[in-house]
N, C-alpha and C. Protein backbone atom coordinates (compact mmCIF):
# COMPACT_ATOMS: atom_id res chain seq x y z
N MET A 1 -135.07 -70.25 197.29
CA MET A 1 -134.10 -69.63 198.19
C MET A 1 -134.20 -70.25 199.57
N SER A 2 -135.22 -71.09 199.76
CA SER A 2 -135.45 -71.72 201.03
C SER A 2 -134.26 -72.68 201.33
N ASP A 3 -133.49 -73.15 200.32
CA ASP A 3 -132.44 -73.98 200.52
C ASP A 3 -131.09 -73.37 200.83
N ALA A 4 -131.13 -71.90 200.82
CA ALA A 4 -129.82 -71.29 201.13
C ALA A 4 -129.41 -71.50 202.52
N LEU A 5 -128.08 -71.74 202.68
CA LEU A 5 -127.55 -71.95 203.99
C LEU A 5 -126.87 -70.75 204.66
N THR A 6 -126.56 -69.80 203.86
CA THR A 6 -125.88 -68.54 204.32
C THR A 6 -126.53 -67.32 203.80
N PRO A 7 -126.33 -66.14 204.39
CA PRO A 7 -126.86 -64.97 203.79
C PRO A 7 -126.29 -64.60 202.43
N HIS A 8 -124.94 -64.93 202.26
CA HIS A 8 -124.34 -64.68 201.02
C HIS A 8 -124.96 -65.58 199.94
N GLU A 9 -125.22 -66.82 200.20
CA GLU A 9 -125.85 -67.73 199.25
C GLU A 9 -127.26 -67.22 198.94
N GLU A 10 -128.00 -66.69 199.98
CA GLU A 10 -129.31 -66.20 199.69
C GLU A 10 -129.27 -64.98 198.74
N ALA A 11 -128.27 -64.09 198.98
CA ALA A 11 -128.13 -62.98 198.13
C ALA A 11 -127.76 -63.38 196.66
N VAL A 12 -126.95 -64.39 196.52
CA VAL A 12 -126.66 -64.85 195.19
C VAL A 12 -127.87 -65.37 194.46
N MET A 13 -128.68 -66.17 195.27
CA MET A 13 -129.91 -66.73 194.63
C MET A 13 -130.93 -65.62 194.35
N SER A 14 -130.97 -64.60 195.19
CA SER A 14 -131.87 -63.50 194.98
C SER A 14 -131.49 -62.76 193.67
N ASN A 15 -130.16 -62.61 193.44
CA ASN A 15 -129.71 -61.95 192.21
C ASN A 15 -130.03 -62.77 190.98
N ILE A 16 -129.95 -64.11 191.11
CA ILE A 16 -130.29 -65.00 190.04
C ILE A 16 -131.83 -64.93 189.73
N SER A 17 -132.58 -64.82 190.77
CA SER A 17 -134.04 -64.60 190.57
C SER A 17 -134.36 -63.32 189.81
N PHE A 18 -133.66 -62.28 190.18
CA PHE A 18 -133.80 -61.04 189.47
C PHE A 18 -133.47 -61.21 187.94
N MET A 19 -132.33 -61.86 187.64
CA MET A 19 -131.96 -62.02 186.33
C MET A 19 -133.01 -62.81 185.56
N GLU A 20 -133.59 -63.86 186.15
CA GLU A 20 -134.63 -64.65 185.55
C GLU A 20 -135.85 -63.74 185.21
N ALA A 21 -136.17 -62.87 186.07
CA ALA A 21 -137.28 -61.91 185.81
C ALA A 21 -136.97 -61.05 184.56
N VAL A 22 -135.75 -60.56 184.52
CA VAL A 22 -135.35 -59.76 183.35
C VAL A 22 -135.43 -60.63 182.04
N HIS A 23 -134.95 -61.80 182.12
CA HIS A 23 -135.01 -62.77 180.99
C HIS A 23 -136.50 -62.98 180.51
N ALA A 24 -137.36 -63.16 181.48
CA ALA A 24 -138.78 -63.39 181.17
C ALA A 24 -139.39 -62.22 180.45
N ARG A 25 -139.02 -61.03 180.92
CA ARG A 25 -139.49 -59.78 180.14
C ARG A 25 -138.93 -59.71 178.83
N SER A 26 -137.63 -60.13 178.62
CA SER A 26 -137.08 -60.12 177.31
C SER A 26 -137.77 -61.10 176.39
N TYR A 27 -138.12 -62.30 176.84
CA TYR A 27 -138.80 -63.29 175.99
C TYR A 27 -140.14 -62.64 175.61
N SER A 28 -140.85 -62.12 176.57
CA SER A 28 -142.16 -61.56 176.32
C SER A 28 -142.10 -60.50 175.28
N SER A 29 -141.06 -59.67 175.36
CA SER A 29 -140.88 -58.63 174.32
C SER A 29 -140.58 -59.21 172.94
N ILE A 30 -139.79 -60.23 172.89
CA ILE A 30 -139.44 -60.89 171.65
C ILE A 30 -140.68 -61.48 171.01
N PHE A 31 -141.43 -62.29 171.81
CA PHE A 31 -142.67 -62.92 171.33
C PHE A 31 -143.68 -61.88 170.85
N SER A 32 -143.89 -60.86 171.67
CA SER A 32 -144.93 -59.92 171.25
C SER A 32 -144.55 -59.11 170.08
N THR A 33 -143.22 -58.97 169.82
CA THR A 33 -142.80 -58.26 168.64
C THR A 33 -142.87 -59.16 167.40
N LEU A 34 -142.56 -60.40 167.50
CA LEU A 34 -142.43 -61.40 166.36
C LEU A 34 -143.71 -62.08 166.09
N CYS A 35 -144.60 -62.22 167.04
CA CYS A 35 -145.74 -63.08 166.90
C CYS A 35 -147.02 -62.44 167.27
N GLN A 36 -148.12 -62.81 166.69
CA GLN A 36 -149.43 -62.41 167.06
C GLN A 36 -149.81 -63.33 168.20
N THR A 37 -150.80 -62.84 168.99
CA THR A 37 -151.25 -63.57 170.22
C THR A 37 -151.70 -65.00 169.74
N LYS A 38 -152.38 -65.11 168.67
CA LYS A 38 -152.87 -66.48 168.24
C LYS A 38 -151.70 -67.34 167.98
N ASP A 39 -150.58 -66.91 167.44
CA ASP A 39 -149.47 -67.68 167.16
C ASP A 39 -148.81 -68.12 168.50
N VAL A 40 -148.61 -67.29 169.50
CA VAL A 40 -148.13 -67.63 170.75
C VAL A 40 -149.07 -68.66 171.39
N ASP A 41 -150.31 -68.49 171.37
CA ASP A 41 -151.28 -69.38 171.94
C ASP A 41 -151.10 -70.80 171.30
N ALA A 42 -150.98 -70.82 169.96
CA ALA A 42 -150.77 -72.02 169.18
C ALA A 42 -149.57 -72.74 169.60
N ALA A 43 -148.47 -71.97 169.95
CA ALA A 43 -147.26 -72.54 170.31
C ALA A 43 -147.41 -73.27 171.73
N TYR A 44 -148.14 -72.52 172.60
CA TYR A 44 -148.34 -73.13 173.94
C TYR A 44 -149.22 -74.40 173.82
N ASP A 45 -150.22 -74.35 172.98
CA ASP A 45 -151.04 -75.53 172.79
C ASP A 45 -150.21 -76.66 172.27
N TRP A 46 -149.36 -76.41 171.30
CA TRP A 46 -148.51 -77.48 170.73
C TRP A 46 -147.64 -78.04 171.83
N SER A 47 -147.06 -77.24 172.75
CA SER A 47 -146.19 -77.72 173.79
C SER A 47 -146.95 -78.66 174.74
N GLU A 48 -148.26 -78.34 174.92
CA GLU A 48 -149.05 -79.23 175.81
C GLU A 48 -149.39 -80.56 175.11
N GLU A 49 -149.41 -80.56 173.82
CA GLU A 49 -149.83 -81.73 173.05
C GLU A 49 -148.71 -82.57 172.50
N CYS A 50 -147.52 -82.03 172.50
CA CYS A 50 -146.32 -82.72 171.89
C CYS A 50 -145.86 -83.84 172.92
N GLU A 51 -146.01 -85.03 172.50
CA GLU A 51 -145.65 -86.13 173.32
C GLU A 51 -144.21 -86.21 173.83
N SER A 52 -143.26 -85.99 172.83
CA SER A 52 -141.87 -86.02 173.24
C SER A 52 -141.53 -84.92 174.22
N LEU A 53 -142.05 -83.77 174.00
CA LEU A 53 -141.82 -82.58 174.87
C LEU A 53 -142.37 -82.91 176.27
N GLN A 54 -143.60 -83.55 176.34
CA GLN A 54 -144.24 -83.84 177.59
C GLN A 54 -143.43 -84.86 178.33
N ARG A 55 -142.88 -85.83 177.59
CA ARG A 55 -142.05 -86.91 178.21
C ARG A 55 -140.86 -86.21 178.98
N LYS A 56 -140.12 -85.32 178.17
CA LYS A 56 -139.02 -84.65 178.79
C LYS A 56 -139.47 -83.84 180.06
N ALA A 57 -140.60 -83.10 179.82
CA ALA A 57 -141.01 -82.30 180.98
C ALA A 57 -141.36 -83.15 182.21
N ASN A 58 -142.01 -84.25 181.98
CA ASN A 58 -142.39 -85.17 183.08
C ASN A 58 -141.15 -85.78 183.74
N LEU A 59 -140.14 -86.14 182.90
CA LEU A 59 -138.91 -86.69 183.50
C LEU A 59 -138.30 -85.72 184.47
N VAL A 60 -138.17 -84.45 183.98
CA VAL A 60 -137.60 -83.40 184.80
C VAL A 60 -138.45 -83.11 186.00
N LEU A 61 -139.76 -83.05 185.82
CA LEU A 61 -140.74 -82.74 186.88
C LEU A 61 -140.70 -83.68 188.01
N GLU A 62 -140.48 -84.97 187.75
CA GLU A 62 -140.39 -86.03 188.73
C GLU A 62 -139.31 -85.67 189.81
N TYR A 63 -138.18 -85.18 189.29
CA TYR A 63 -137.09 -84.81 190.27
C TYR A 63 -137.25 -83.45 190.84
N TYR A 64 -137.80 -82.56 189.95
CA TYR A 64 -137.99 -81.16 190.36
C TYR A 64 -138.98 -80.98 191.52
N GLN A 65 -139.92 -81.92 191.61
CA GLN A 65 -140.96 -81.84 192.69
C GLN A 65 -140.58 -82.77 193.89
N ALA A 66 -139.41 -83.36 193.80
CA ALA A 66 -139.01 -84.27 194.86
C ALA A 66 -138.62 -83.51 196.16
N ASP A 67 -138.24 -84.21 197.19
CA ASP A 67 -137.93 -83.52 198.40
C ASP A 67 -136.44 -83.20 198.51
N ASP A 68 -135.64 -83.84 197.63
CA ASP A 68 -134.17 -83.60 197.63
C ASP A 68 -133.70 -82.28 197.05
N PRO A 69 -133.27 -81.27 197.79
CA PRO A 69 -132.92 -79.95 197.21
C PRO A 69 -131.85 -80.12 196.08
N LEU A 70 -130.89 -80.93 196.28
CA LEU A 70 -129.85 -81.12 195.26
C LEU A 70 -130.43 -81.68 193.96
N LYS A 71 -131.28 -82.71 194.07
CA LYS A 71 -131.93 -83.21 192.84
C LYS A 71 -132.78 -82.18 192.16
N LYS A 72 -133.46 -81.33 192.95
CA LYS A 72 -134.26 -80.26 192.39
C LYS A 72 -133.37 -79.32 191.49
N LYS A 73 -132.25 -78.96 192.05
CA LYS A 73 -131.37 -78.04 191.30
C LYS A 73 -130.73 -78.70 190.07
N ILE A 74 -130.41 -79.94 190.24
CA ILE A 74 -129.90 -80.64 189.04
C ILE A 74 -130.96 -80.76 187.97
N ALA A 75 -132.19 -81.07 188.45
CA ALA A 75 -133.34 -81.16 187.54
C ALA A 75 -133.52 -79.79 186.78
N SER A 76 -133.29 -78.71 187.51
CA SER A 76 -133.44 -77.35 186.91
C SER A 76 -132.49 -77.12 185.75
N VAL A 77 -131.23 -77.71 185.96
CA VAL A 77 -130.27 -77.63 184.83
C VAL A 77 -130.76 -78.40 183.62
N PHE A 78 -131.37 -79.61 183.87
CA PHE A 78 -131.87 -80.40 182.71
C PHE A 78 -133.08 -79.71 182.10
N LEU A 79 -133.89 -79.08 182.93
CA LEU A 79 -135.04 -78.36 182.42
C LEU A 79 -134.55 -77.33 181.40
N GLU A 80 -133.54 -76.59 181.77
CA GLU A 80 -133.01 -75.54 180.85
C GLU A 80 -132.52 -76.17 179.53
N SER A 81 -131.81 -77.29 179.60
CA SER A 81 -131.24 -77.84 178.36
C SER A 81 -132.29 -78.46 177.52
N PHE A 82 -133.28 -79.25 178.21
CA PHE A 82 -134.22 -80.00 177.42
C PHE A 82 -135.28 -79.07 176.76
N LEU A 83 -135.74 -78.15 177.53
CA LEU A 83 -136.89 -77.39 177.16
C LEU A 83 -136.61 -75.86 176.76
N PHE A 84 -135.69 -75.36 177.44
CA PHE A 84 -135.46 -73.86 177.31
C PHE A 84 -134.61 -73.59 176.07
N TYR A 85 -133.49 -74.13 176.03
CA TYR A 85 -132.51 -73.83 174.91
C TYR A 85 -133.00 -74.20 173.63
N SER A 86 -133.83 -75.20 173.53
CA SER A 86 -134.30 -75.66 172.22
C SER A 86 -135.16 -74.61 171.52
N GLY A 87 -135.77 -73.75 172.35
CA GLY A 87 -136.62 -72.65 171.78
C GLY A 87 -135.77 -71.55 171.15
N PHE A 88 -134.50 -71.59 171.28
CA PHE A 88 -133.63 -70.56 170.67
C PHE A 88 -133.16 -70.90 169.32
N TRP A 89 -133.43 -72.11 168.82
CA TRP A 89 -132.88 -72.59 167.55
C TRP A 89 -133.23 -71.61 166.37
N LEU A 90 -134.55 -71.36 166.27
CA LEU A 90 -135.00 -70.59 165.07
C LEU A 90 -134.40 -69.18 165.01
N PRO A 91 -134.46 -68.33 166.16
CA PRO A 91 -133.86 -67.07 166.05
C PRO A 91 -132.32 -67.12 165.81
N MET A 92 -131.60 -68.11 166.32
CA MET A 92 -130.22 -68.28 166.08
C MET A 92 -129.97 -68.61 164.62
N TYR A 93 -130.85 -69.39 163.99
CA TYR A 93 -130.78 -69.80 162.56
C TYR A 93 -130.91 -68.55 161.76
N TRP A 94 -131.96 -67.75 162.10
CA TRP A 94 -132.19 -66.54 161.28
C TRP A 94 -130.97 -65.62 161.44
N SER A 95 -130.41 -65.53 162.58
CA SER A 95 -129.24 -64.64 162.81
C SER A 95 -128.09 -65.06 161.93
N SER A 96 -127.91 -66.37 161.76
CA SER A 96 -126.80 -66.87 160.99
C SER A 96 -126.97 -66.58 159.48
N ARG A 97 -128.15 -66.07 159.17
CA ARG A 97 -128.50 -65.63 157.80
C ARG A 97 -128.69 -64.11 157.72
N GLY A 98 -128.22 -63.40 158.73
CA GLY A 98 -128.24 -61.98 158.73
C GLY A 98 -129.61 -61.34 159.10
N LYS A 99 -130.51 -62.13 159.66
CA LYS A 99 -131.80 -61.68 160.06
C LYS A 99 -132.03 -61.73 161.54
N LEU A 100 -132.74 -60.78 162.16
CA LEU A 100 -133.06 -60.79 163.57
C LEU A 100 -131.74 -60.76 164.41
N THR A 101 -130.71 -60.08 163.92
CA THR A 101 -129.42 -60.04 164.64
C THR A 101 -129.53 -59.43 166.05
N ASN A 102 -130.41 -58.37 166.18
CA ASN A 102 -130.48 -57.81 167.56
C ASN A 102 -131.21 -58.77 168.49
N THR A 103 -132.13 -59.54 168.02
CA THR A 103 -132.89 -60.52 168.79
C THR A 103 -131.92 -61.63 169.17
N ALA A 104 -131.08 -62.05 168.25
CA ALA A 104 -130.05 -63.10 168.53
C ALA A 104 -129.10 -62.56 169.53
N ASP A 105 -128.66 -61.31 169.45
CA ASP A 105 -127.74 -60.80 170.39
C ASP A 105 -128.30 -60.86 171.81
N LEU A 106 -129.57 -60.46 171.94
CA LEU A 106 -130.25 -60.58 173.27
C LEU A 106 -130.27 -62.05 173.77
N ILE A 107 -130.64 -62.90 172.84
CA ILE A 107 -130.68 -64.40 173.24
C ILE A 107 -129.30 -64.87 173.64
N ARG A 108 -128.22 -64.46 172.94
CA ARG A 108 -126.92 -64.85 173.31
C ARG A 108 -126.53 -64.37 174.73
N LEU A 109 -126.95 -63.13 175.04
CA LEU A 109 -126.74 -62.60 176.45
C LEU A 109 -127.45 -63.45 177.47
N ILE A 110 -128.70 -63.79 177.12
CA ILE A 110 -129.48 -64.60 178.03
C ILE A 110 -128.85 -66.01 178.20
N ILE A 111 -128.41 -66.56 177.13
CA ILE A 111 -127.72 -67.90 177.20
C ILE A 111 -126.46 -67.78 178.02
N ARG A 112 -125.73 -66.73 177.89
CA ARG A 112 -124.49 -66.49 178.74
C ARG A 112 -124.92 -66.41 180.22
N ASP A 113 -125.96 -65.60 180.53
CA ASP A 113 -126.37 -65.45 181.89
C ASP A 113 -126.83 -66.82 182.49
N GLU A 114 -127.59 -67.50 181.65
CA GLU A 114 -128.09 -68.80 182.18
C GLU A 114 -126.99 -69.79 182.44
N ALA A 115 -126.00 -69.79 181.61
CA ALA A 115 -124.86 -70.69 181.76
C ALA A 115 -124.13 -70.35 183.08
N VAL A 116 -123.95 -69.09 183.32
CA VAL A 116 -123.25 -68.63 184.53
C VAL A 116 -124.06 -68.96 185.71
N THR A 117 -125.37 -68.65 185.73
CA THR A 117 -126.18 -68.93 186.88
C THR A 117 -126.31 -70.39 187.26
N ARG A 118 -126.38 -71.22 186.17
CA ARG A 118 -126.45 -72.69 186.35
C ARG A 118 -125.13 -73.20 186.91
N ILE A 119 -124.08 -72.75 186.48
CA ILE A 119 -122.77 -73.17 187.05
C ILE A 119 -122.65 -72.77 188.47
N ILE A 120 -123.07 -71.52 188.84
CA ILE A 120 -123.02 -71.09 190.21
C ILE A 120 -123.97 -71.96 191.10
N THR A 121 -125.16 -72.13 190.58
CA THR A 121 -126.18 -72.92 191.32
C THR A 121 -125.66 -74.33 191.58
N LEU A 122 -125.16 -74.94 190.51
CA LEU A 122 -124.68 -76.32 190.56
C LEU A 122 -123.52 -76.42 191.59
N ALA A 123 -122.54 -75.47 191.41
CA ALA A 123 -121.37 -75.48 192.27
C ALA A 123 -121.75 -75.37 193.74
N ILE A 124 -122.67 -74.46 194.06
CA ILE A 124 -123.04 -74.24 195.43
C ILE A 124 -123.66 -75.58 195.99
N ASN A 125 -124.44 -76.21 195.14
CA ASN A 125 -125.24 -77.33 195.67
C ASN A 125 -124.41 -78.64 195.65
N ILE A 126 -123.49 -78.80 194.72
CA ILE A 126 -122.60 -79.94 194.74
C ILE A 126 -121.71 -79.81 196.03
N ARG A 127 -121.26 -78.61 196.26
CA ARG A 127 -120.46 -78.37 197.50
C ARG A 127 -121.23 -78.70 198.74
N LYS A 128 -122.49 -78.36 198.77
CA LYS A 128 -123.37 -78.69 199.94
C LYS A 128 -123.47 -80.19 200.06
N GLY A 129 -123.68 -80.86 198.93
CA GLY A 129 -123.81 -82.29 198.88
C GLY A 129 -122.62 -82.99 199.41
N TRP A 130 -121.40 -82.51 198.98
CA TRP A 130 -120.20 -83.10 199.50
C TRP A 130 -119.98 -82.83 200.99
N ARG A 131 -120.35 -81.67 201.39
CA ARG A 131 -120.18 -81.41 202.80
C ARG A 131 -121.10 -82.21 203.69
N SER A 132 -122.28 -82.36 203.24
CA SER A 132 -123.24 -83.16 204.06
C SER A 132 -122.96 -84.63 204.00
N SER A 133 -122.27 -85.13 202.92
CA SER A 133 -121.98 -86.57 202.93
C SER A 133 -120.51 -86.85 203.36
N ALA A 134 -119.73 -85.87 203.61
CA ALA A 134 -118.37 -86.03 204.09
C ALA A 134 -118.32 -86.67 205.39
N LYS A 135 -117.33 -87.54 205.63
CA LYS A 135 -117.13 -88.14 206.92
C LYS A 135 -116.52 -87.07 207.84
N PRO A 136 -116.72 -87.28 209.15
CA PRO A 136 -116.13 -86.38 210.15
C PRO A 136 -114.62 -86.35 209.97
N GLY A 137 -114.07 -85.18 209.95
CA GLY A 137 -112.60 -85.06 209.85
C GLY A 137 -112.13 -84.95 208.34
N ALA A 138 -113.00 -85.21 207.46
CA ALA A 138 -112.63 -85.11 206.01
C ALA A 138 -112.56 -83.72 205.49
N ARG A 139 -111.77 -83.38 204.52
CA ARG A 139 -111.63 -82.07 204.03
C ARG A 139 -112.79 -81.82 203.08
N SER A 140 -113.35 -80.63 203.16
CA SER A 140 -114.41 -80.22 202.20
C SER A 140 -114.01 -79.03 201.44
């Protein structure tokens, strides 16, 4: 939220942060219901050891930790698509076979929320980028 230029933008970003916290609690609930602690730990270990996953994470991290706020936010979108959405494949697969349908409904709502927040975030920041790069007298 340190990149917010207006109080309205800060309020929007604050709401997005709240939604992310709700999503995190939802994932935690799903994992604790479906998996034992040792299984969750094994998944985290795998994510640390998987070369292709680490390559994607490092690619995103390079821009995410950069000084350019616009690049950080674009990297955040790639982070979602590279690492986050891929984790939904199995529950959605089960749902297509009539299993874990409530879990899949929750995940669909999260995916919807994420799509909306990413579009909002990107739109705000692309507009900022255009405004900051616009020549004097140009329409923004």
